[in-house]
Amino acid sequence: MPAKTGASHGFAAFSTLLIGTMFSKFVWDVLPPLGEVSLLAMEFLNEQAGIDVPTSEQFAGTIVVMVGLSFLWGVVYHFGRH
């Protein structure tokens, strides 16, 4: 059983990484406030937690797309399993 669920989760993680990287620039073209919020969140992590997260616009756009796709994948997976 772990091979089935692990493979689907691994594929989802890899595909969100690739898609997030490809569509990161569109976040700034279509929804600049969402990109700004992501950039502020990463700066907050840098200051408060001391984590060295890159704070570029490209990386912030990638994070927005990845979080959105991961959430969507989780919802689809949940309804598919239950």
PDB file of N, CA and C in Angstrom:
ATOM      1  N   MET A   1       0.800  -1.200   0.000  1.00  0.00           N
ATOM      2  CA  MET A   1       0.000   0.000   0.000  1.00  0.00           C
ATOM      3  C   MET A   1       0.853   1.280   0.000  1.00  0.00           C
ATOM      4  N   PRO A   2       1.956   1.382   0.757  1.00  0.00           N
ATOM      5  CA  PRO A   2       2.745   2.612   0.725  1.00  0.00           C
ATOM      6  C   PRO A   2       3.321   2.916  -0.647  1.00  0.00           C
ATOM      7  N   ALA A   3       3.562   1.889  -1.445  1.00  0.00           N
ATOM      8  CA  ALA A   3       4.111   2.149  -2.779  1.00  0.00           C
ATOM      9  C   ALA A   3       3.104   2.906  -3.639  1.00  0.00           C
ATOM     10  N   LYS A   4       1.824   2.599  -3.473  1.00  0.00           N
ATOM     11  CA  LYS A   4       0.805   3.285  -4.262  1.00  0.00           C
ATOM     12  C   LYS A   4       0.637   4.727  -3.803  1.00  0.00           C
ATOM     13  N   THR A   5       0.448   4.930  -2.517  1.00  0.00           N
ATOM     14  CA  THR A   5       0.224   6.290  -2.032  1.00  0.00           C
ATOM     15  C   THR A   5       1.508   7.102  -2.063  1.00  0.00           C
ATOM     16  N   GLY A   6       2.633   6.482  -1.827  1.00  0.00           N
ATOM     17  CA  GLY A   6       3.901   7.194  -1.873  1.00  0.00           C
ATOM     18  C   GLY A   6       4.221   7.679  -3.278  1.00  0.00           C
ATOM     19  N   ALA A   7       3.925   6.850  -4.255  1.00  0.00           N
ATOM     20  CA  ALA A   7       4.192   7.230  -5.640  1.00  0.00           C
ATOM     21  C   ALA A   7       3.308   8.400  -6.055  1.00  0.00           C
ATOM     22  N   SER A   8       2.046   8.387  -5.660  1.00  0.00           N
ATOM     23  CA  SER A   8       1.163   9.487  -6.045  1.00  0.00           C
ATOM     24  C   SER A   8       1.569  10.786  -5.351  1.00  0.00           C
ATOM     25  N   HIS A   9       1.967  10.705  -4.094  1.00  0.00           N
ATOM     26  CA  HIS A   9       2.415  11.900  -3.394  1.00  0.00           C
ATOM     27  C   HIS A   9       3.744  12.411  -3.954  1.00  0.00           C
ATOM     28  N   GLY A  10       4.631  11.497  -4.284  1.00  0.00           N
ATOM     29  CA  GLY A  10       5.900  11.894  -4.886  1.00  0.00           C
ATOM     30  C   GLY A  10       5.704  12.552  -6.242  1.00  0.00           C
ATOM     31  N   PHE A  11       4.819  11.992  -7.057  1.00  0.00           N
ATOM     32  CA  PHE A  11       4.518  12.589  -8.352  1.00  0.00           C
ATOM     33  C   PHE A  11       3.893  13.966  -8.174  1.00  0.00           C
ATOM     34  N   ALA A  12       3.000  14.109  -7.217  1.00  0.00           N
ATOM     35  CA  ALA A  12       2.357  15.402  -6.966  1.00  0.00           C
ATOM     36  C   ALA A  12       3.386  16.445  -6.522  1.00  0.00           C
ATOM     37  N   ALA A  13       4.291  16.064  -5.650  1.00  0.00           N
ATOM     38  CA  ALA A  13       5.307  17.007  -5.183  1.00  0.00           C
ATOM     39  C   ALA A  13       6.237  17.425  -6.312  1.00  0.00           C
ATOM     40  N   PHE A  14       6.659  16.471  -7.113  1.00  0.00           N
ATOM     41  CA  PHE A  14       7.557  16.786  -8.217  1.00  0.00           C
ATOM     42  C   PHE A  14       6.864  17.645  -9.272  1.00  0.00           C
ATOM     43  N   SER A  15       5.618  17.318  -9.580  1.00  0.00           N
ATOM     44  CA  SER A  15       4.906  18.090 -10.600  1.00  0.00           C
ATOM     45  C   SER A  15       4.599  19.498 -10.109  1.00  0.00           C
ATOM     46  N   THR A  16       4.275  19.682  -8.823  1.00  0.00           N
ATOM     47  CA  THR A  16       4.045  21.043  -8.326  1.00  0.00           C
ATOM     48  C   THR A  16       5.331  21.855  -8.356  1.00  0.00           C
ATOM     49  N   LEU A  17       6.456  21.228  -8.124  1.00  0.00           N
ATOM     50  CA  LEU A  17       7.736  21.934  -8.215  1.00  0.00           C
ATOM     51  C   LEU A  17       8.004  22.400  -9.645  1.00  0.00           C
ATOM     52  N   LEU A  18       7.801  21.510 -10.605  1.00  0.00           N
ATOM     53  CA  LEU A  18       8.031  21.877 -12.003  1.00  0.00           C
ATOM     54  C   LEU A  18       7.033  22.925 -12.489  1.00  0.00           C
ATOM     55  N   ILE A  19       5.764  22.719 -12.218  1.00  0.00           N
ATOM     56  CA  ILE A  19       4.736  23.657 -12.670  1.00  0.00           C
ATOM     57  C   ILE A  19       4.898  24.999 -11.968  1.00  0.00           C
ATOM     58  N   GLY A  20       5.216  24.972 -10.682  1.00  0.00           N
ATOM     59  CA  GLY A  20       5.427  26.215  -9.944  1.00  0.00           C
ATOM     60  C   GLY A  20       6.572  27.027 -10.504  1.00  0.00           C
ATOM     61  N   THR A  21       7.631  26.361 -10.913  1.00  0.00           N
ATOM     62  CA  THR A  21       8.770  27.057 -11.493  1.00  0.00           C
ATOM     63  C   THR A  21       8.421  27.637 -12.861  1.00  0.00           C
ATOM     64  N   MET A  22       7.648  26.891 -13.642  1.00  0.00           N
ATOM     65  CA  MET A  22       7.290  27.371 -14.978  1.00  0.00           C
ATOM     66  C   MET A  22       6.324  28.559 -14.920  1.00  0.00           C
ATOM     67  N   PHE A  23       5.398  28.553 -13.982  1.00  0.00           N
ATOM     68  CA  PHE A  23       4.364  29.586 -13.943  1.00  0.00           C
ATOM     69  C   PHE A  23       4.617  30.675 -12.910  1.00  0.00           C
ATOM     70  N   SER A  24       5.799  30.744 -12.344  1.00  0.00           N
ATOM     71  CA  SER A  24       6.063  31.726 -11.291  1.00  0.00           C
ATOM     72  C   SER A  24       5.960  33.155 -11.793  1.00  0.00           C
ATOM     73  N   LYS A  25       6.366  33.415 -13.010  1.00  0.00           N
ATOM     74  CA  LYS A  25       6.311  34.788 -13.521  1.00  0.00           C
ATOM     75  C   LYS A  25       4.878  35.249 -13.771  1.00  0.00           C
ATOM     76  N   PHE A  26       3.954  34.319 -14.014  1.00  0.00           N
ATOM     77  CA  PHE A  26       2.574  34.704 -14.252  1.00  0.00           C
ATOM     78  C   PHE A  26       1.877  35.195 -12.988  1.00  0.00           C
ATOM     79  N   VAL A  27       2.382  34.791 -11.830  1.00  0.00           N
ATOM     80  CA  VAL A  27       1.807  35.282 -10.576  1.00  0.00           C
ATOM     81  C   VAL A  27       1.960  36.794 -10.502  1.00  0.00           C
ATOM     82  N   TRP A  28       3.111  37.288 -10.905  1.00  0.00           N
ATOM     83  CA  TRP A  28       3.367  38.729 -10.845  1.00  0.00           C
ATOM     84  C   TRP A  28       2.612  39.471 -11.940  1.00  0.00           C
ATOM     85  N   ASP A  29       2.296  38.799 -13.046  1.00  0.00           N
ATOM     86  CA  ASP A  29       1.521  39.437 -14.111  1.00  0.00           C
ATOM     87  C   ASP A  29       0.033  39.443 -13.802  1.00  0.00           C
ATOM     88  N   VAL A  30      -0.483  38.356 -13.249  1.00  0.00           N
ATOM     89  CA  VAL A  30      -1.920  38.198 -13.030  1.00  0.00           C
ATOM     90  C   VAL A  30      -2.348  38.660 -11.642  1.00  0.00           C
ATOM     91  N   LEU A  31      -1.644  38.244 -10.608  1.00  0.00           N
ATOM     92  CA  LEU A  31      -2.027  38.550  -9.222  1.00  0.00           C
ATOM     93  C   LEU A  31      -0.844  39.121  -8.434  1.00  0.00           C
ATOM     94  N   PRO A  32      -0.432  40.339  -8.726  1.00  0.00           N
ATOM     95  CA  PRO A  32       0.724  40.898  -8.003  1.00  0.00           C
ATOM     96  C   PRO A  32       0.526  40.990  -6.482  1.00  0.00           C
ATOM     97  N   PRO A  33      -0.689  41.271  -5.967  1.00  0.00           N
ATOM     98  CA  PRO A  33      -0.821  41.306  -4.502  1.00  0.00           C
ATOM     99  C   PRO A  33      -0.532  39.959  -3.843  1.00  0.00           C
ATOM    100  N   LEU A  34      -0.894  38.871  -4.507  1.00  0.00           N
ATOM    101  CA  LEU A  34      -0.606  37.541  -3.962  1.00  0.00           C
ATOM    102  C   LEU A  34       0.893  37.281  -3.931  1.00  0.00           C
ATOM    103  N   GLY A  35       1.591  37.735  -4.942  1.00  0.00           N
ATOM    104  CA  GLY A  35       3.049  37.615  -4.956  1.00  0.00           C
ATOM    105  C   GLY A  35       3.687  38.448  -3.862  1.00  0.00           C
ATOM    106  N   GLU A  36       3.149  39.641  -3.625  1.00  0.00           N
ATOM    107  CA  GLU A  36       3.672  40.502  -2.556  1.00  0.00           C
ATOM    108  C   GLU A  36       3.473  39.860  -1.189  1.00  0.00           C
ATOM    109  N   VAL A  37       2.316  39.241  -0.976  1.00  0.00           N
ATOM    110  CA  VAL A  37       2.051  38.562   0.299  1.00  0.00           C
ATOM    111  C   VAL A  37       3.036  37.416   0.502  1.00  0.00           C
ATOM    112  N   SER A  38       3.298  36.664  -0.555  1.00  0.00           N
ATOM    113  CA  SER A  38       4.262  35.569  -0.463  1.00  0.00           C
ATOM    114  C   SER A  38       5.659  36.092  -0.162  1.00  0.00           C
ATOM    115  N   LEU A  39       6.025  37.189  -0.793  1.00  0.00           N
ATOM    116  CA  LEU A  39       7.335  37.801  -0.545  1.00  0.00           C
ATOM    117  C   LEU A  39       7.450  38.288   0.897  1.00  0.00           C
ATOM    118  N   LEU A  40       6.386  38.893   1.413  1.00  0.00           N
ATOM    119  CA  LEU A  40       6.384  39.334   2.813  1.00  0.00           C
ATOM    120  C   LEU A  40       6.465  38.155   3.782  1.00  0.00           C
ATOM    121  N   ALA A  41       5.785  37.067   3.458  1.00  0.00           N
ATOM    122  CA  ALA A  41       5.828  35.884   4.320  1.00  0.00           C
ATOM    123  C   ALA A  41       7.235  35.302   4.378  1.00  0.00           C
ATOM    124  N   MET A  42       7.928  35.288   3.251  1.00  0.00           N
ATOM    125  CA  MET A  42       9.291  34.759   3.239  1.00  0.00           C
ATOM    126  C   MET A  42      10.247  35.689   3.987  1.00  0.00           C
ATOM    127  N   GLU A  43      10.045  36.993   3.875  1.00  0.00           N
ATOM    128  CA  GLU A  43      10.867  37.929   4.649  1.00  0.00           C
ATOM    129  C   GLU A  43      10.605  37.776   6.144  1.00  0.00           C
ATOM    130  N   PHE A  44       9.340  37.514   6.507  1.00  0.00           N
ATOM    131  CA  PHE A  44       8.995  37.280   7.911  1.00  0.00           C
ATOM    132  C   PHE A  44       9.703  36.030   8.433  1.00  0.00           C
ATOM    133  N   LEU A  45       9.728  34.959   7.628  1.00  0.00           N
ATOM    134  CA  LEU A  45      10.442  33.741   8.019  1.00  0.00           C
ATOM    135  C   LEU A  45      11.930  34.005   8.209  1.00  0.00           C
ATOM    136  N   ASN A  46      12.497  34.801   7.320  1.00  0.00           N
ATOM    137  CA  ASN A  46      13.918  35.140   7.445  1.00  0.00           C
ATOM    138  C   ASN A  46      14.195  35.871   8.750  1.00  0.00           C
ATOM    139  N   GLU A  47      13.338  36.813   9.108  1.00  0.00           N
ATOM    140  CA  GLU A  47      13.561  37.617  10.310  1.00  0.00           C
ATOM    141  C   GLU A  47      13.260  36.849  11.594  1.00  0.00           C
ATOM    142  N   GLN A  48      12.126  36.187  11.654  1.00  0.00           N
ATOM    143  CA  GLN A  48      11.671  35.572  12.895  1.00  0.00           C
ATOM    144  C   GLN A  48      12.312  34.221  13.182  1.00  0.00           C
ATOM    145  N   ALA A  49      12.381  33.378  12.179  1.00  0.00           N
ATOM    146  CA  ALA A  49      12.880  32.021  12.400  1.00  0.00           C
ATOM    147  C   ALA A  49      14.364  31.884  12.076  1.00  0.00           C
ATOM    148  N   GLY A  50      14.923  32.876  11.425  1.00  0.00           N
ATOM    149  CA  GLY A  50      16.330  32.787  11.068  1.00  0.00           C
ATOM    150  C   GLY A  50      16.611  31.825   9.940  1.00  0.00           C
ATOM    151  N   ILE A  51      15.575  31.495   9.169  1.00  0.00           N
ATOM    152  CA  ILE A  51      15.733  30.583   8.041  1.00  0.00           C
ATOM    153  C   ILE A  51      16.158  31.398   6.830  1.00  0.00           C
ATOM    154  N   ASP A  52      17.144  30.932   6.112  1.00  0.00           N
ATOM    155  CA  ASP A  52      17.642  31.654   4.951  1.00  0.00           C
ATOM    156  C   ASP A  52      16.856  31.254   3.709  1.00  0.00           C
ATOM    157  N   VAL A  53      15.664  31.843   3.557  1.00  0.00           N
ATOM    158  CA  VAL A  53      14.805  31.584   2.403  1.00  0.00           C
ATOM    159  C   VAL A  53      15.090  32.648   1.347  1.00  0.00           C
ATOM    160  N   PRO A  54      15.286  32.257   0.094  1.00  0.00           N
ATOM    161  CA  PRO A  54      15.505  33.273  -0.940  1.00  0.00           C
ATOM    162  C   PRO A  54      14.280  34.186  -1.061  1.00  0.00           C
ATOM    163  N   THR A  55      14.495  35.474  -1.150  1.00  0.00           N
ATOM    164  CA  THR A  55      13.382  36.411  -1.220  1.00  0.00           C
ATOM    165  C   THR A  55      13.342  37.123  -2.562  1.00  0.00           C
ATOM    166  N   SER A  56      13.366  36.353  -3.628  1.00  0.00           N
ATOM    167  CA  SER A  56      13.258  36.930  -4.959  1.00  0.00           C
ATOM    168  C   SER A  56      11.810  36.810  -5.436  1.00  0.00           C
ATOM    169  N   GLU A  57      11.456  37.616  -6.435  1.00  0.00           N
ATOM    170  CA  GLU A  57      10.099  37.561  -6.965  1.00  0.00           C
ATOM    171  C   GLU A  57       9.820  36.225  -7.650  1.00  0.00           C
ATOM    172  N   GLN A  58      10.817  35.660  -8.303  1.00  0.00           N
ATOM    173  CA  GLN A  58      10.618  34.381  -8.972  1.00  0.00           C
ATOM    174  C   GLN A  58      10.328  33.274  -7.956  1.00  0.00           C
ATOM    175  N   PHE A  59      11.085  33.245  -6.869  1.00  0.00           N
ATOM    176  CA  PHE A  59      10.867  32.213  -5.860  1.00  0.00           C
ATOM    177  C   PHE A  59       9.527  32.408  -5.158  1.00  0.00           C
ATOM    178  N   ALA A  60       9.145  33.655  -4.902  1.00  0.00           N
ATOM    179  CA  ALA A  60       7.852  33.929  -4.265  1.00  0.00           C
ATOM    180  C   ALA A  60       6.707  33.462  -5.161  1.00  0.00           C
ATOM    181  N   GLY A  61       6.818  33.697  -6.468  1.00  0.00           N
ATOM    182  CA  GLY A  61       5.797  33.219  -7.396  1.00  0.00           C
ATOM    183  C   GLY A  61       5.735  31.706  -7.446  1.00  0.00           C
ATOM    184  N   THR A  62       6.894  31.076  -7.385  1.00  0.00           N
ATOM    185  CA  THR A  62       6.945  29.613  -7.372  1.00  0.00           C
ATOM    186  C   THR A  62       6.236  29.063  -6.141  1.00  0.00           C
ATOM    187  N   ILE A  63       6.467  29.674  -4.997  1.00  0.00           N
ATOM    188  CA  ILE A  63       5.829  29.218  -3.757  1.00  0.00           C
ATOM    189  C   ILE A  63       4.318  29.359  -3.834  1.00  0.00           C
ATOM    190  N   VAL A  64       3.832  30.468  -4.400  1.00  0.00           N
ATOM    191  CA  VAL A  64       2.381  30.675  -4.524  1.00  0.00           C
ATOM    192  C   VAL A  64       1.757  29.568  -5.367  1.00  0.00           C
ATOM    193  N   VAL A  65       2.352  29.274  -6.511  1.00  0.00           N
ATOM    194  CA  VAL A  65       1.810  28.237  -7.392  1.00  0.00           C
ATOM    195  C   VAL A  65       1.912  26.868  -6.729  1.00  0.00           C
ATOM    196  N   MET A  66       3.032  26.578  -6.072  1.00  0.00           N
ATOM    197  CA  MET A  66       3.204  25.280  -5.422  1.00  0.00           C
ATOM    198  C   MET A  66       2.201  25.071  -4.288  1.00  0.00           C
ATOM    199  N   VAL A  67       1.981  26.081  -3.479  1.00  0.00           N
ATOM    200  CA  VAL A  67       1.024  25.948  -2.368  1.00  0.00           C
ATOM    201  C   VAL A  67      -0.381  25.756  -2.917  1.00  0.00           C
ATOM    202  N   GLY A  68      -0.733  26.521  -3.943  1.00  0.00           N
ATOM    203  CA  GLY A  68      -2.063  26.372  -4.539  1.00  0.00           C
ATOM    204  C   GLY A  68      -2.284  24.988  -5.126  1.00  0.00           C
ATOM    205  N   LEU A  69      -1.318  24.496  -5.872  1.00  0.00           N
ATOM    206  CA  LEU A  69      -1.446  23.163  -6.462  1.00  0.00           C
ATOM    207  C   LEU A  69      -1.423  22.068  -5.401  1.00  0.00           C
ATOM    208  N   SER A  70      -0.620  22.229  -4.366  1.00  0.00           N
ATOM    209  CA  SER A  70      -0.574  21.231  -3.290  1.00  0.00           C
ATOM    210  C   SER A  70      -1.904  21.169  -2.559  1.00  0.00           C
ATOM    211  N   PHE A  71      -2.503  22.326  -2.329  1.00  0.00           N
ATOM    212  CA  PHE A  71      -3.814  22.351  -1.674  1.00  0.00           C
ATOM    213  C   PHE A  71      -4.857  21.666  -2.549  1.00  0.00           C
ATOM    214  N   LEU A  72      -4.850  21.994  -3.840  1.00  0.00           N
ATOM    215  CA  LEU A  72      -5.799  21.375  -4.762  1.00  0.00           C
ATOM    216  C   LEU A  72      -5.590  19.868  -4.827  1.00  0.00           C
ATOM    217  N   TRP A  73      -4.329  19.431  -4.879  1.00  0.00           N
ATOM    218  CA  TRP A  73      -4.030  17.999  -4.899  1.00  0.00           C
ATOM    219  C   TRP A  73      -4.532  17.327  -3.618  1.00  0.00           C
ATOM    220  N   GLY A  74      -4.358  17.981  -2.479  1.00  0.00           N
ATOM    221  CA  GLY A  74      -4.829  17.412  -1.223  1.00  0.00           C
ATOM    222  C   GLY A  74      -6.332  17.254  -1.181  1.00  0.00           C
ATOM    223  N   VAL A  75      -7.047  18.237  -1.699  1.00  0.00           N
ATOM    224  CA  VAL A  75      -8.513  18.153  -1.728  1.00  0.00           C
ATOM    225  C   VAL A  75      -8.963  17.025  -2.652  1.00  0.00           C
ATOM    226  N   VAL A  76      -8.374  16.947  -3.838  1.00  0.00           N
ATOM    227  CA  VAL A  76      -8.738  15.882  -4.780  1.00  0.00           C
ATOM    228  C   VAL A  76      -8.378  14.523  -4.202  1.00  0.00           C
ATOM    229  N   TYR A  77      -7.238  14.402  -3.589  1.00  0.00           N
ATOM    230  CA  TYR A  77      -6.827  13.131  -2.997  1.00  0.00           C
ATOM    231  C   TYR A  77      -7.765  12.725  -1.859  1.00  0.00           C
ATOM    232  N   HIS A  78      -8.146  13.694  -1.021  1.00  0.00           N
ATOM    233  CA  HIS A  78      -9.034  13.398   0.107  1.00  0.00           C
ATOM    234  C   HIS A  78     -10.384  12.888  -0.390  1.00  0.00           C
ATOM    235  N   PHE A  79     -10.974  13.574  -1.355  1.00  0.00           N
ATOM    236  CA  PHE A  79     -12.265  13.141  -1.850  1.00  0.00           C
ATOM    237  C   PHE A  79     -12.164  11.853  -2.641  1.00  0.00           C
ATOM    238  N   GLY A  80     -11.030  11.608  -3.252  1.00  0.00           N
ATOM    239  CA  GLY A  80     -10.834  10.347  -3.968  1.00  0.00           C
ATOM    240  C   GLY A  80     -10.690   9.156  -3.037  1.00  0.00           C
ATOM    241  N   ARG A  81     -10.126   9.374  -1.857  1.00  0.00           N
ATOM    242  CA  ARG A  81      -9.903   8.284  -0.902  1.00  0.00           C
ATOM    243  C   ARG A  81     -11.078   8.061   0.039  1.00  0.00           C
ATOM    244  N   HIS A  82     -11.887   9.083   0.286  1.00  0.00           N
ATOM    245  CA  HIS A  82     -12.962   8.954   1.280  1.00  0.00           C
ATOM    246  C   HIS A  82     -14.286   9.086   0.609  1.00  0.00           C
TER     247      HIS A  82
END
